N, C-alpha and C. Protein backbone atom coordinates (compact mmCIF):
# COMPACT_ATOMS: atom_id res chain seq x y z
N UNK A 1 -209.22 78.66 -53.97
CA UNK A 1 -210.46 77.95 -54.82
C UNK A 1 -210.36 78.17 -56.67
N UNK A 2 -210.42 76.79 -57.18
CA UNK A 2 -210.37 77.15 -58.45
C UNK A 2 -211.55 77.28 -59.29
N UNK A 3 -211.80 77.97 -60.86
CA UNK A 3 -212.77 77.79 -61.28
C UNK A 3 -212.89 76.81 -62.06
N UNK A 4 -213.60 75.67 -61.80
CA UNK A 4 -213.62 74.64 -62.55
C UNK A 4 -214.58 74.64 -63.68
N UNK A 5 -214.35 73.60 -64.35
CA UNK A 5 -214.94 73.58 -65.97
C UNK A 5 -214.59 72.60 -66.28
N UNK A 6 -215.58 71.87 -67.52
CA UNK A 6 -215.20 70.72 -68.09
C UNK A 6 -215.20 71.11 -70.12
N UNK A 7 -215.04 70.37 -70.43
CA UNK A 7 -214.80 70.85 -71.62
C UNK A 7 -214.91 69.42 -72.51
N UNK A 8 -215.90 69.59 -73.68
CA UNK A 8 -216.21 68.47 -74.27
C UNK A 8 -215.34 68.50 -75.90
N UNK A 9 -214.76 67.51 -75.85
CA UNK A 9 -214.26 67.57 -77.08
C UNK A 9 -214.94 66.78 -78.81
N UNK A 10 -215.70 66.93 -79.55
CA UNK A 10 -216.08 66.09 -80.23
C UNK A 10 -215.86 66.08 -81.71
N UNK A 11 -216.40 65.08 -82.35
CA UNK A 11 -216.37 65.11 -84.40
C UNK A 11 -217.06 64.44 -84.15
N UNK A 12 -217.43 63.66 -85.82
CA UNK A 12 -218.43 62.75 -85.83
C UNK A 12 -217.59 61.28 -85.73
N UNK A 13 -216.74 61.22 -84.64
CA UNK A 13 -215.99 59.71 -84.17
C UNK A 13 -216.10 59.39 -83.29
N UNK A 14 -215.78 60.68 -82.57
CA UNK A 14 -215.19 60.74 -81.04
C UNK A 14 -216.01 61.65 -80.25
N UNK A 15 -216.23 61.46 -79.21
CA UNK A 15 -216.31 62.50 -78.04
C UNK A 15 -216.03 62.16 -76.63
N UNK A 16 -214.73 63.58 -76.09
CA UNK A 16 -214.07 63.21 -75.33
C UNK A 16 -214.75 64.69 -74.33
N UNK A 17 -214.10 63.93 -72.80
CA UNK A 17 -214.01 65.15 -71.92
C UNK A 17 -213.00 65.27 -71.02
N UNK A 18 -212.86 66.67 -71.14
CA UNK A 18 -211.52 67.20 -69.83
C UNK A 18 -212.51 67.56 -68.32
N UNK A 19 -211.50 67.49 -67.99
CA UNK A 19 -211.77 68.85 -66.44
C UNK A 19 -210.91 69.09 -66.29
N UNK A 20 -210.97 70.90 -66.03
CA UNK A 20 -209.76 71.61 -65.92
C UNK A 20 -210.13 71.82 -64.45
N UNK A 21 -209.67 71.91 -63.02
CA UNK A 21 -209.52 72.50 -62.05
C UNK A 21 -209.85 73.80 -61.79
N UNK A 22 -208.64 74.44 -62.94
CA UNK A 22 -208.60 75.73 -62.12
C UNK A 22 -208.42 76.45 -63.27
N UNK A 23 -209.00 77.89 -63.50
CA UNK A 23 -208.42 78.41 -64.61
C UNK A 23 -209.64 78.61 -65.26
N UNK A 24 -210.65 78.41 -64.61
CA UNK A 24 -211.90 77.75 -66.01
C UNK A 24 -212.96 78.76 -66.75
N UNK A 25 -212.86 80.06 -66.08
CA UNK A 25 -213.48 81.06 -66.39
C UNK A 25 -212.85 81.16 -68.16
N UNK A 26 -213.84 82.10 -69.23
CA UNK A 26 -213.51 81.83 -70.27
C UNK A 26 -212.57 83.05 -70.86
N UNK A 27 -212.37 84.32 -69.94
CA UNK A 27 -211.41 85.26 -70.03
C UNK A 27 -209.93 85.50 -70.02
N UNK A 28 -209.81 86.21 -70.12
CA UNK A 28 -207.83 86.49 -69.71
C UNK A 28 -207.00 85.86 -70.84
N UNK A 29 -205.72 85.87 -70.08
CA UNK A 29 -204.49 85.41 -70.79
C UNK A 29 -204.74 83.74 -70.50
N UNK A 30 -205.29 83.30 -68.93
CA UNK A 30 -204.99 82.33 -68.37
C UNK A 30 -206.23 81.47 -68.72
N UNK A 31 -207.39 81.99 -69.09
CA UNK A 31 -208.99 81.53 -69.41
C UNK A 31 -208.49 80.36 -70.43
N UNK A 32 -209.96 79.48 -70.57
CA UNK A 32 -209.94 78.47 -71.15
C UNK A 32 -209.98 78.86 -72.79
N UNK A 33 -210.27 80.32 -73.12
CA UNK A 33 -210.47 80.32 -74.89
C UNK A 33 -209.39 80.85 -74.78
N UNK A 34 -208.33 81.74 -74.33
CA UNK A 34 -206.81 81.72 -74.54
C UNK A 34 -206.02 80.99 -74.33
N UNK A 35 -206.11 80.16 -73.74
CA UNK A 35 -205.29 78.96 -73.36
C UNK A 35 -205.51 77.76 -74.04
N UNK A 36 -206.44 77.87 -74.93
CA UNK A 36 -206.40 76.53 -76.28
C UNK A 36 -206.15 77.07 -77.61
N UNK A 37 -205.27 78.46 -77.42
CA UNK A 37 -204.38 78.34 -78.62
C UNK A 37 -203.02 77.56 -78.47
N UNK A 38 -202.33 77.29 -76.85
CA UNK A 38 -201.54 76.16 -76.99
C UNK A 38 -201.08 75.17 -76.92
N UNK A 39 -202.32 74.75 -77.94
CA UNK A 39 -202.65 73.53 -78.05
C UNK A 39 -202.29 73.23 -79.45
N UNK A 40 -202.59 74.42 -80.04
CA UNK A 40 -202.63 74.41 -81.90
C UNK A 40 -200.91 73.34 -82.04
N UNK A 41 -199.74 74.09 -81.56
CA UNK A 41 -198.47 73.16 -82.23
C UNK A 41 -198.71 71.95 -81.85
N UNK A 42 -199.37 70.84 -81.38
CA UNK A 42 -199.43 69.80 -80.86
C UNK A 42 -200.63 69.08 -82.16
N UNK A 43 -201.72 70.06 -82.79
CA UNK A 43 -202.55 69.25 -83.21
C UNK A 43 -202.56 69.08 -84.74
N UNK A 44 -202.82 69.08 -85.44
CA UNK A 44 -203.47 68.63 -86.97
C UNK A 44 -204.08 70.08 -87.14
N UNK A 45 -202.55 71.04 -87.70
CA UNK A 45 -203.38 72.35 -88.23
C UNK A 45 -204.59 72.10 -88.96
N UNK A 46 -205.23 73.71 -88.29
CA UNK A 46 -206.71 73.82 -89.23
C UNK A 46 -206.64 74.03 -90.34
N UNK A 47 -207.56 73.60 -91.43
CA UNK A 47 -209.17 73.37 -90.58
C UNK A 47 -209.43 71.77 -90.27
N UNK A 48 -208.16 71.02 -90.60
CA UNK A 48 -208.31 69.50 -90.10
C UNK A 48 -208.26 69.43 -88.51
N UNK A 49 -209.14 68.86 -88.02
CA UNK A 49 -210.01 68.71 -86.65
C UNK A 49 -209.93 66.89 -86.40
N UNK A 50 -209.75 66.80 -85.48
CA UNK A 50 -209.57 65.24 -84.74
C UNK A 50 -210.07 65.29 -83.74
N UNK A 51 -210.80 65.23 -82.63
CA UNK A 51 -211.43 65.20 -81.57
C UNK A 51 -210.32 64.62 -80.89
N UNK A 52 -209.90 63.72 -80.74
CA UNK A 52 -209.07 62.93 -79.63
C UNK A 52 -207.82 63.37 -79.95
N UNK A 53 -206.78 63.67 -81.55
CA UNK A 53 -205.95 64.48 -81.54
C UNK A 53 -205.79 66.02 -81.24
N UNK A 54 -206.75 66.70 -80.80
CA UNK A 54 -207.34 67.86 -80.50
C UNK A 54 -207.00 67.94 -79.00
N UNK A 55 -207.85 66.81 -78.00
CA UNK A 55 -207.77 66.51 -76.33
C UNK A 55 -206.61 66.17 -76.46
N UNK A 56 -205.52 65.36 -77.09
CA UNK A 56 -204.50 64.80 -76.73
C UNK A 56 -203.41 66.55 -76.65
N UNK A 57 -203.70 67.30 -77.87
CA UNK A 57 -203.08 68.30 -77.89
C UNK A 57 -203.13 69.15 -76.63
N UNK A 58 -204.41 69.60 -76.19
CA UNK A 58 -204.50 70.30 -74.83
C UNK A 58 -203.96 69.86 -73.95
N UNK A 59 -204.19 68.13 -73.50
CA UNK A 59 -203.34 67.70 -72.36
C UNK A 59 -202.18 67.78 -72.38
N UNK A 60 -201.19 67.63 -73.73
CA UNK A 60 -199.79 67.83 -73.35
C UNK A 60 -200.02 69.79 -73.43
N UNK A 61 -200.38 70.51 -73.74
CA UNK A 61 -200.05 71.61 -73.76
C UNK A 61 -200.56 72.36 -72.22
N UNK A 62 -201.56 71.59 -71.47
CA UNK A 62 -201.57 72.45 -70.03
C UNK A 62 -200.96 71.30 -69.26
N UNK A 63 -200.42 70.12 -69.53
CA UNK A 63 -200.01 69.35 -68.55
C UNK A 63 -198.40 69.80 -68.46
N UNK A 64 -198.40 70.76 -69.41
CA UNK A 64 -196.94 71.43 -69.23
C UNK A 64 -196.73 72.50 -67.98
N UNK A 65 -197.52 72.88 -67.66
CA UNK A 65 -197.57 73.44 -66.09
C UNK A 65 -197.46 72.54 -65.31
N UNK A 66 -197.51 71.83 -65.09
CA UNK A 66 -197.43 70.97 -63.80
C UNK A 66 -198.53 69.69 -63.88
N UNK A 67 -198.07 69.16 -62.51
CA UNK A 67 -199.35 68.12 -62.33
C UNK A 67 -200.28 68.92 -61.76
N UNK A 68 -201.85 68.10 -61.70
CA UNK A 68 -202.76 68.06 -61.48
C UNK A 68 -203.79 68.85 -62.32
N UNK A 69 -204.78 70.05 -62.29
CA UNK A 69 -205.64 70.76 -63.16
C UNK A 69 -206.26 70.13 -64.43
N UNK A 70 -205.49 69.40 -65.05
CA UNK A 70 -206.09 68.82 -66.32
C UNK A 70 -206.48 67.44 -66.18
N UNK A 71 -207.53 66.76 -66.02
CA UNK A 71 -208.09 65.37 -65.97
C UNK A 71 -208.50 65.00 -67.29
N UNK A 72 -208.30 63.79 -67.49
CA UNK A 72 -209.35 63.10 -68.49
C UNK A 72 -210.55 62.31 -67.71
N UNK A 73 -211.44 62.84 -68.09
CA UNK A 73 -213.00 62.77 -67.34
C UNK A 73 -213.93 62.22 -67.87
N UNK A 74 -213.52 60.76 -68.87
CA UNK A 74 -214.33 60.23 -69.41
C UNK A 74 -214.95 60.74 -70.83
N UNK A 75 -215.56 59.59 -71.39
CA UNK A 75 -216.56 59.71 -72.71
C UNK A 75 -218.11 59.92 -72.77
N UNK A 76 -218.71 61.10 -71.91
CA UNK A 76 -219.56 61.55 -71.77
C UNK A 76 -220.95 61.16 -73.12
N UNK A 77 -221.83 61.02 -72.77
CA UNK A 77 -223.12 60.48 -74.09
C UNK A 77 -224.00 61.85 -74.40
N UNK A 78 -224.25 62.77 -73.21
CA UNK A 78 -224.56 63.86 -73.30
C UNK A 78 -223.98 64.89 -71.76
N UNK A 79 -225.18 65.55 -71.58
CA UNK A 79 -224.17 66.54 -70.12
C UNK A 79 -224.75 65.84 -68.61
N UNK A 80 -224.99 64.44 -69.23
CA UNK A 80 -225.15 63.92 -67.43
C UNK A 80 -223.74 63.46 -66.87
N UNK A 81 -222.91 63.75 -67.52
CA UNK A 81 -221.34 63.54 -66.27
C UNK A 81 -220.48 64.61 -66.46
N UNK A 82 -221.70 66.05 -66.78
CA UNK A 82 -220.80 67.30 -66.33
C UNK A 82 -220.81 67.41 -64.58
N UNK A 83 -219.08 67.72 -63.65
CA UNK A 83 -219.00 68.06 -62.65
C UNK A 83 -219.82 68.57 -62.24
N UNK A 84 -221.01 67.99 -60.30
CA UNK A 84 -221.51 68.97 -60.37
C UNK A 84 -221.00 70.42 -59.28
N UNK A 85 -219.57 70.64 -59.50
CA UNK A 85 -219.25 72.20 -59.21
C UNK A 85 -218.66 72.58 -60.06
N UNK A 86 -219.00 72.26 -61.23
CA UNK A 86 -218.58 73.36 -62.60
C UNK A 86 -219.00 74.37 -62.61
N UNK A 87 -218.81 75.59 -62.94
CA UNK A 87 -218.88 76.94 -63.23
C UNK A 87 -219.14 76.83 -64.98
N UNK A 88 -218.40 76.31 -65.86
CA UNK A 88 -218.18 76.90 -67.20
C UNK A 88 -218.25 75.38 -67.79
N UNK A 89 -218.80 74.86 -68.89
CA UNK A 89 -218.49 74.23 -70.32
C UNK A 89 -218.32 74.69 -70.97
N UNK A 90 -217.16 74.22 -71.68
CA UNK A 90 -217.15 74.52 -73.02
C UNK A 90 -217.23 73.25 -73.94
N UNK A 91 -217.88 73.19 -75.39
CA UNK A 91 -217.83 72.22 -76.04
C UNK A 91 -217.56 72.58 -77.45
N UNK A 92 -215.93 71.88 -77.92
CA UNK A 92 -215.16 72.09 -78.56
C UNK A 92 -215.99 71.08 -80.29
N UNK A 93 -216.20 71.64 -81.37
CA UNK A 93 -216.72 70.88 -82.30
C UNK A 93 -216.84 71.25 -83.85
N UNK A 94 -216.32 70.88 -84.51
CA UNK A 94 -216.71 71.12 -86.28
C UNK A 94 -218.23 71.60 -86.52
N UNK A 95 -218.65 72.84 -87.10
CA UNK A 95 -219.60 72.96 -87.53
C UNK A 95 -220.98 72.18 -87.63
N UNK A 96 -221.68 71.58 -86.99
CA UNK A 96 -222.60 70.48 -87.73
C UNK A 96 -223.69 70.97 -89.12
N UNK A 97 -223.51 70.56 -89.90
CA UNK A 97 -224.73 70.29 -91.45
C UNK A 97 -225.51 69.39 -91.52
N UNK A 98 -226.79 69.81 -91.06
CA UNK A 98 -227.76 68.54 -91.56
C UNK A 98 -227.92 68.28 -92.47
N UNK A 99 -228.69 66.95 -92.42
CA UNK A 99 -229.26 66.25 -93.99
C UNK A 99 -230.58 65.57 -93.96
N UNK A 100 -230.97 65.74 -94.77
CA UNK A 100 -232.30 65.96 -94.62
C UNK A 100 -232.64 64.46 -94.35
N UNK A 101 -231.83 63.83 -95.32
CA UNK A 101 -232.08 61.32 -94.85
C UNK A 101 -231.52 61.40 -94.17
N UNK A 102 -230.81 61.87 -93.22
CA UNK A 102 -229.63 60.96 -92.29
C UNK A 102 -229.09 62.47 -91.28
N UNK A 103 -228.26 61.43 -90.22
CA UNK A 103 -227.72 62.19 -89.25
C UNK A 103 -226.63 63.74 -89.41
N UNK A 104 -226.86 64.73 -88.78
CA UNK A 104 -225.77 65.49 -88.99
C UNK A 104 -224.33 64.85 -89.13
N UNK A 105 -223.68 65.65 -89.81
CA UNK A 105 -222.11 65.59 -90.41
C UNK A 105 -221.28 67.21 -89.96
N UNK A 106 -220.13 66.55 -89.36
CA UNK A 106 -219.31 67.74 -88.96
C UNK A 106 -217.98 68.08 -90.01
N UNK A 107 -218.55 69.54 -90.08
CA UNK A 107 -217.66 69.80 -90.70
C UNK A 107 -217.13 71.32 -90.73
N UNK A 108 -216.48 71.82 -91.45
CA UNK A 108 -215.79 73.13 -91.36
C UNK A 108 -214.58 73.41 -90.28
N UNK A 109 -214.15 74.36 -90.28
CA UNK A 109 -213.41 74.50 -88.69
C UNK A 109 -214.62 74.63 -87.51
N UNK A 110 -213.82 73.77 -86.47
CA UNK A 110 -214.44 73.96 -85.09
C UNK A 110 -214.91 74.97 -84.95
N UNK A 111 -215.98 74.98 -83.61
CA UNK A 111 -216.18 76.36 -83.19
C UNK A 111 -216.37 75.64 -81.55
N UNK A 112 -216.44 77.16 -80.53
CA UNK A 112 -216.39 76.68 -79.18
C UNK A 112 -217.41 77.45 -78.76
N UNK A 113 -218.44 76.37 -78.34
CA UNK A 113 -219.15 77.09 -77.71
C UNK A 113 -219.09 77.11 -76.23
N UNK A 114 -219.83 78.39 -75.43
CA UNK A 114 -219.25 78.68 -73.92
C UNK A 114 -220.72 78.71 -73.50
N UNK A 115 -220.64 77.74 -71.98
CA UNK A 115 -222.02 77.51 -71.27
C UNK A 115 -222.05 78.13 -70.29
N UNK A 116 -222.54 78.83 -69.77
CA UNK A 116 -222.32 79.05 -67.72
C UNK A 116 -223.49 78.24 -67.56
N UNK A 117 -222.16 77.76 -66.48
CA UNK A 117 -223.60 76.54 -65.93
C UNK A 117 -223.58 77.04 -64.35
N UNK A 118 -223.49 78.24 -64.03
CA UNK A 118 -223.88 78.25 -62.99
C UNK A 118 -225.11 77.92 -62.50
N UNK A 119 -226.19 78.28 -63.75
CA UNK A 119 -227.09 78.28 -63.07
C UNK A 119 -227.28 76.78 -63.10
N UNK A 120 -227.15 75.89 -63.80
CA UNK A 120 -226.95 74.50 -63.75
C UNK A 120 -226.46 74.21 -62.09
N UNK A 121 -225.50 74.75 -61.92
CA UNK A 121 -225.04 73.95 -60.50
C UNK A 121 -225.63 74.69 -59.60
N UNK A 122 -225.66 76.05 -58.78
CA UNK A 122 -226.43 76.98 -58.03
C UNK A 122 -227.97 76.20 -58.09
N UNK A 123 -228.27 76.19 -59.12
CA UNK A 123 -229.76 76.05 -59.19
C UNK A 123 -230.33 74.35 -59.06
N UNK A 124 -228.85 73.65 -58.99
CA UNK A 124 -229.35 72.51 -59.11
C UNK A 124 -230.39 71.61 -60.36
N UNK A 125 -230.25 72.53 -61.33
CA UNK A 125 -231.21 72.02 -62.26
C UNK A 125 -230.42 70.56 -62.90
N UNK A 126 -231.61 70.14 -63.33
CA UNK A 126 -231.46 68.77 -64.07
C UNK A 126 -230.84 68.63 -64.99
N UNK A 127 -229.64 68.21 -65.61
CA UNK A 127 -229.27 68.23 -67.02
C UNK A 127 -229.82 67.64 -67.92
N UNK A 128 -230.50 66.47 -67.44
CA UNK A 128 -231.42 65.17 -68.65
C UNK A 128 -232.48 65.80 -69.21
N UNK A 129 -232.82 66.99 -68.10
CA UNK A 129 -234.04 67.16 -68.16
C UNK A 129 -233.83 68.71 -68.66
N UNK A 130 -233.11 69.37 -69.00
CA UNK A 130 -232.91 70.96 -69.16
C UNK A 130 -231.62 70.82 -69.96
N UNK A 131 -231.90 71.74 -71.00
CA UNK A 131 -231.16 71.98 -72.38
C UNK A 131 -230.41 73.02 -72.55
N UNK A 132 -228.62 73.49 -71.74
CA UNK A 132 -228.42 74.33 -71.67
C UNK A 132 -228.03 75.58 -73.02
N UNK A 133 -227.98 76.41 -73.29
CA UNK A 133 -228.12 77.31 -74.17
C UNK A 133 -226.38 77.87 -74.08
N UNK A 134 -226.38 77.93 -75.31
CA UNK A 134 -224.69 78.67 -75.19
C UNK A 134 -224.31 80.38 -75.02
N UNK A 135 -223.57 80.46 -73.99
CA UNK A 135 -223.51 82.43 -73.91
C UNK A 135 -223.12 82.46 -75.34
N UNK A 136 -221.75 82.05 -75.90
CA UNK A 136 -221.33 82.27 -77.35
C UNK A 136 -220.42 81.18 -77.96
N UNK A 137 -221.11 81.81 -79.21
CA UNK A 137 -220.01 80.67 -80.06
C UNK A 137 -218.97 81.25 -80.60
N UNK A 138 -217.50 80.94 -81.06
CA UNK A 138 -216.74 81.52 -81.66
C UNK A 138 -215.36 80.21 -82.59
N UNK A 139 -215.12 80.80 -83.52
CA UNK A 139 -214.43 79.72 -84.29
C UNK A 139 -213.42 79.55 -83.36
N UNK A 140 -212.91 78.31 -83.47
CA UNK A 140 -211.57 78.19 -82.93
C UNK A 140 -210.64 78.56 -82.49
N UNK A 141 -210.27 79.21 -83.90
CA UNK A 141 -208.69 80.14 -84.14
C UNK A 141 -209.40 81.69 -84.10
N UNK A 142 -209.98 81.57 -83.42
CA UNK A 142 -210.27 83.03 -82.96
C UNK A 142 -210.81 83.37 -81.36
N UNK A 143 -210.84 81.87 -80.52
CA UNK A 143 -211.09 81.97 -79.62
C UNK A 143 -210.03 82.70 -78.40
N UNK A 144 -208.80 82.95 -78.73
CA UNK A 144 -207.70 83.42 -77.48
C UNK A 144 -208.43 84.67 -77.90
N UNK A 145 -208.53 85.53 -79.03
CA UNK A 145 -208.79 86.95 -79.36
C UNK A 145 -210.64 87.00 -78.61
N UNK A 146 -211.23 86.20 -78.69
CA UNK A 146 -212.55 86.41 -78.30
C UNK A 146 -212.58 86.19 -76.20
N UNK A 147 -211.37 85.42 -76.10
CA UNK A 147 -211.40 85.07 -74.36
C UNK A 147 -210.63 86.36 -74.01
N UNK A 148 -209.65 87.13 -74.91
CA UNK A 148 -209.26 88.52 -73.65
C UNK A 148 -210.15 89.44 -73.92
N UNK A 149 -211.23 89.62 -75.07
CA UNK A 149 -212.29 90.67 -75.45
C UNK A 149 -213.53 90.12 -74.96
N UNK A 150 -213.69 88.96 -73.72
CA UNK A 150 -214.74 88.65 -73.64
C UNK A 150 -215.47 89.68 -72.45
N UNK A 151 -216.62 90.07 -72.68
CA UNK A 151 -217.33 90.61 -71.63
C UNK A 151 -218.28 89.87 -71.11
N UNK A 152 -219.22 89.57 -69.74
CA UNK A 152 -219.62 88.74 -69.28
C UNK A 152 -220.72 89.44 -67.97
N UNK A 153 -222.04 89.57 -68.57
CA UNK A 153 -222.96 90.30 -67.49
C UNK A 153 -223.97 89.77 -66.32
């Protein structure tokens, strides 16, 4: 049985979602955080970041391991389209800088926010009523190091 996860990749123009059927945990060499580095050769060099480009790079890197596991999962408006059996959710986006008289804009190196979705899955929390809080946030360029050193209690 796999550890399922969703990845939401977003910027100020796009919001894309992937579903990873196995190896969805944040830690170890094959976990999501370490595996994100495999997408770097297929994407724009950081700090340039485009959600659609990086999503395509993830698919290219991770599909190289064979069929299954990685799926395009739609373009969610929020948390309402997370799979019911997902254990981890990752949001990859540039840092937001708020503007006084307008919407937030995304700038700078992307970060990965890691959400433990066990509570929302097992306790059947309503994601439309409950806004989850990330367990951790890390710069995308440091995701592998963070995944290998991950401690979760």
